[in-house]
Amino acid sequence: MNGRCTKELFAALREAGWRIEVTRRGHAMAYSPDGKHIVPVTDGGDWRAFRNNVARLKRAGFNYRKVHA
């Protein structure tokens, strides 16, 4: 996965009302608008990392297709 995909995902999350924070160790965490879900967002080295991020976010209530379309 490249940085462009991650930036687009972060932009879509922010547009949907999610909050992105980076931990002291450099890991990104996505916080849902209702505050109930905290999802780690990784920047892995292959295409599966992006899909895994979207799947974790979907389980937490984020619909990437709806925001990204």
N, C-alpha and C. Protein backbone atom coordinates (compact mmCIF):
# COMPACT_ATOMS: atom_id res chain seq x y z
N MET A 1 0.85 -1.17 0.00
CA MET A 1 0.00 0.00 0.00
C MET A 1 0.89 1.23 0.00
N ASN A 2 0.47 2.21 -0.72
CA ASN A 2 1.28 3.42 -0.74
C ASN A 2 0.65 4.50 0.13
N GLY A 3 1.37 5.55 0.35
CA GLY A 3 0.91 6.64 1.20
C GLY A 3 -0.31 7.36 0.65
N ARG A 4 -0.47 7.36 -0.67
CA ARG A 4 -1.61 8.03 -1.29
C ARG A 4 -2.92 7.39 -0.84
N CYS A 5 -2.97 6.07 -0.81
CA CYS A 5 -4.17 5.37 -0.38
C CYS A 5 -4.51 5.70 1.07
N THR A 6 -3.50 5.74 1.90
CA THR A 6 -3.71 6.06 3.31
C THR A 6 -4.22 7.48 3.46
N LYS A 7 -3.66 8.43 2.72
CA LYS A 7 -4.11 9.82 2.79
C LYS A 7 -5.56 9.94 2.33
N GLU A 8 -5.93 9.22 1.28
CA GLU A 8 -7.31 9.25 0.80
C GLU A 8 -8.26 8.66 1.83
N LEU A 9 -7.84 7.57 2.48
CA LEU A 9 -8.66 6.95 3.52
C LEU A 9 -8.83 7.92 4.69
N PHE A 10 -7.76 8.57 5.12
CA PHE A 10 -7.84 9.53 6.22
C PHE A 10 -8.77 10.69 5.86
N ALA A 11 -8.69 11.17 4.62
CA ALA A 11 -9.56 12.26 4.17
C ALA A 11 -11.02 11.82 4.21
N ALA A 12 -11.30 10.59 3.78
CA ALA A 12 -12.67 10.08 3.80
C ALA A 12 -13.17 9.92 5.24
N LEU A 13 -12.29 9.47 6.12
CA LEU A 13 -12.67 9.33 7.53
C LEU A 13 -13.01 10.68 8.13
N ARG A 14 -12.17 11.67 7.89
CA ARG A 14 -12.43 13.01 8.42
C ARG A 14 -13.73 13.59 7.86
N GLU A 15 -13.98 13.35 6.58
CA GLU A 15 -15.20 13.83 5.95
C GLU A 15 -16.43 13.21 6.60
N ALA A 16 -16.30 11.97 7.06
CA ALA A 16 -17.42 11.26 7.69
C ALA A 16 -17.52 11.56 9.19
N GLY A 17 -16.64 12.43 9.69
CA GLY A 17 -16.73 12.82 11.09
C GLY A 17 -15.83 12.05 12.03
N TRP A 18 -15.00 11.17 11.49
CA TRP A 18 -14.05 10.43 12.32
C TRP A 18 -12.87 11.31 12.66
N ARG A 19 -12.20 10.99 13.76
CA ARG A 19 -11.02 11.74 14.20
C ARG A 19 -9.81 10.83 14.07
N ILE A 20 -8.72 11.35 13.52
CA ILE A 20 -7.48 10.59 13.35
C ILE A 20 -6.44 11.17 14.30
N GLU A 21 -5.82 10.30 15.07
CA GLU A 21 -4.74 10.72 15.95
C GLU A 21 -3.56 9.80 15.74
N VAL A 22 -2.37 10.36 15.89
CA VAL A 22 -1.15 9.58 15.77
C VAL A 22 -0.56 9.43 17.17
N THR A 23 -0.25 8.19 17.55
CA THR A 23 0.30 7.93 18.88
C THR A 23 1.74 8.40 18.96
N ARG A 24 2.30 8.36 20.15
CA ARG A 24 3.70 8.77 20.33
C ARG A 24 4.64 7.89 19.53
N ARG A 25 4.25 6.67 19.28
CA ARG A 25 5.10 5.75 18.51
C ARG A 25 4.84 5.80 17.02
N GLY A 26 3.95 6.70 16.58
CA GLY A 26 3.73 6.91 15.16
C GLY A 26 2.62 6.08 14.54
N HIS A 27 1.79 5.43 15.36
CA HIS A 27 0.69 4.63 14.84
C HIS A 27 -0.57 5.48 14.77
N ALA A 28 -1.32 5.33 13.69
CA ALA A 28 -2.55 6.09 13.51
C ALA A 28 -3.72 5.34 14.13
N MET A 29 -4.59 6.09 14.81
CA MET A 29 -5.80 5.54 15.40
C MET A 29 -6.98 6.35 14.89
N ALA A 30 -8.05 5.66 14.51
CA ALA A 30 -9.26 6.33 14.03
C ALA A 30 -10.33 6.21 15.11
N TYR A 31 -10.91 7.33 15.48
CA TYR A 31 -11.94 7.37 16.51
C TYR A 31 -13.28 7.70 15.84
N SER A 32 -14.29 6.88 16.10
CA SER A 32 -15.60 7.09 15.48
C SER A 32 -16.26 8.34 16.04
N PRO A 33 -17.21 8.91 15.30
CA PRO A 33 -17.88 10.13 15.76
C PRO A 33 -18.61 9.95 17.09
N ASP A 34 -19.14 8.75 17.33
CA ASP A 34 -19.86 8.52 18.59
C ASP A 34 -18.91 8.18 19.74
N GLY A 35 -17.64 8.02 19.45
CA GLY A 35 -16.64 7.74 20.47
C GLY A 35 -16.61 6.31 20.97
N LYS A 36 -17.40 5.44 20.38
CA LYS A 36 -17.49 4.06 20.85
C LYS A 36 -16.43 3.16 20.23
N HIS A 37 -15.93 3.52 19.06
CA HIS A 37 -15.00 2.65 18.35
C HIS A 37 -13.65 3.33 18.15
N ILE A 38 -12.61 2.59 18.44
CA ILE A 38 -11.25 3.04 18.18
C ILE A 38 -10.61 1.99 17.29
N VAL A 39 -10.16 2.38 16.11
CA VAL A 39 -9.65 1.43 15.13
C VAL A 39 -8.21 1.79 14.77
N PRO A 40 -7.28 0.84 14.94
CA PRO A 40 -5.91 1.11 14.48
C PRO A 40 -5.86 1.08 12.96
N VAL A 41 -5.21 2.04 12.37
CA VAL A 41 -5.08 2.11 10.91
C VAL A 41 -3.60 1.94 10.58
N THR A 42 -3.28 0.86 9.88
CA THR A 42 -1.89 0.57 9.57
C THR A 42 -1.53 1.03 8.17
N ASP A 43 -0.26 1.20 7.94
CA ASP A 43 0.25 1.55 6.62
C ASP A 43 1.20 0.43 6.20
N GLY A 44 0.61 -0.71 5.90
CA GLY A 44 1.39 -1.89 5.55
C GLY A 44 2.06 -1.77 4.21
N GLY A 45 2.81 -2.78 3.87
CA GLY A 45 3.60 -2.74 2.65
C GLY A 45 2.92 -3.31 1.43
N ASP A 46 1.70 -3.79 1.54
CA ASP A 46 1.06 -4.37 0.35
C ASP A 46 -0.42 -3.98 0.28
N TRP A 47 -1.09 -4.39 -0.77
CA TRP A 47 -2.47 -4.02 -1.04
C TRP A 47 -3.43 -4.59 -0.01
N ARG A 48 -3.06 -5.68 0.65
CA ARG A 48 -3.97 -6.29 1.62
C ARG A 48 -4.14 -5.41 2.86
N ALA A 49 -3.14 -4.64 3.20
CA ALA A 49 -3.23 -3.77 4.38
C ALA A 49 -4.36 -2.76 4.23
N PHE A 50 -4.49 -2.17 3.04
CA PHE A 50 -5.57 -1.21 2.80
C PHE A 50 -6.93 -1.88 2.96
N ARG A 51 -7.07 -3.05 2.36
CA ARG A 51 -8.35 -3.77 2.46
C ARG A 51 -8.66 -4.18 3.90
N ASN A 52 -7.64 -4.56 4.66
CA ASN A 52 -7.84 -4.92 6.06
C ASN A 52 -8.26 -3.69 6.87
N ASN A 53 -7.68 -2.54 6.58
CA ASN A 53 -8.09 -1.30 7.25
C ASN A 53 -9.55 -1.00 6.98
N VAL A 54 -9.95 -1.08 5.72
CA VAL A 54 -11.33 -0.78 5.35
C VAL A 54 -12.28 -1.79 6.01
N ALA A 55 -11.89 -3.05 6.10
CA ALA A 55 -12.73 -4.07 6.74
C ALA A 55 -12.90 -3.78 8.23
N ARG A 56 -11.81 -3.41 8.91
CA ARG A 56 -11.91 -3.08 10.34
C ARG A 56 -12.80 -1.86 10.55
N LEU A 57 -12.65 -0.86 9.70
CA LEU A 57 -13.47 0.34 9.82
C LEU A 57 -14.93 0.05 9.51
N LYS A 58 -15.18 -0.83 8.56
CA LYS A 58 -16.56 -1.21 8.23
C LYS A 58 -17.24 -1.87 9.41
N ARG A 59 -16.51 -2.74 10.12
CA ARG A 59 -17.08 -3.39 11.30
C ARG A 59 -17.39 -2.37 12.40
N ALA A 60 -16.69 -1.24 12.37
CA ALA A 60 -16.92 -0.19 13.36
C ALA A 60 -17.97 0.82 12.90
N GLY A 61 -18.52 0.64 11.70
CA GLY A 61 -19.61 1.49 11.22
C GLY A 61 -19.27 2.48 10.13
N PHE A 62 -18.04 2.45 9.61
CA PHE A 62 -17.64 3.37 8.55
C PHE A 62 -17.87 2.72 7.20
N ASN A 63 -18.51 3.44 6.27
CA ASN A 63 -18.76 2.92 4.94
C ASN A 63 -17.90 3.68 3.94
N TYR A 64 -16.77 3.10 3.57
CA TYR A 64 -15.81 3.76 2.67
C TYR A 64 -16.40 4.00 1.30
N ARG A 65 -17.17 3.06 0.78
CA ARG A 65 -17.75 3.22 -0.56
C ARG A 65 -18.71 4.40 -0.60
N LYS A 66 -19.51 4.56 0.45
CA LYS A 66 -20.49 5.64 0.48
C LYS A 66 -19.82 7.01 0.48
N VAL A 67 -18.74 7.15 1.25
CA VAL A 67 -18.04 8.43 1.34
C VAL A 67 -17.14 8.65 0.14
N HIS A 68 -16.49 7.59 -0.33
CA HIS A 68 -15.51 7.70 -1.40
C HIS A 68 -16.14 7.84 -2.78
N ALA A 69 -17.35 7.37 -2.96
CA ALA A 69 -18.00 7.38 -4.29
C ALA A 69 -18.38 8.75 -4.74
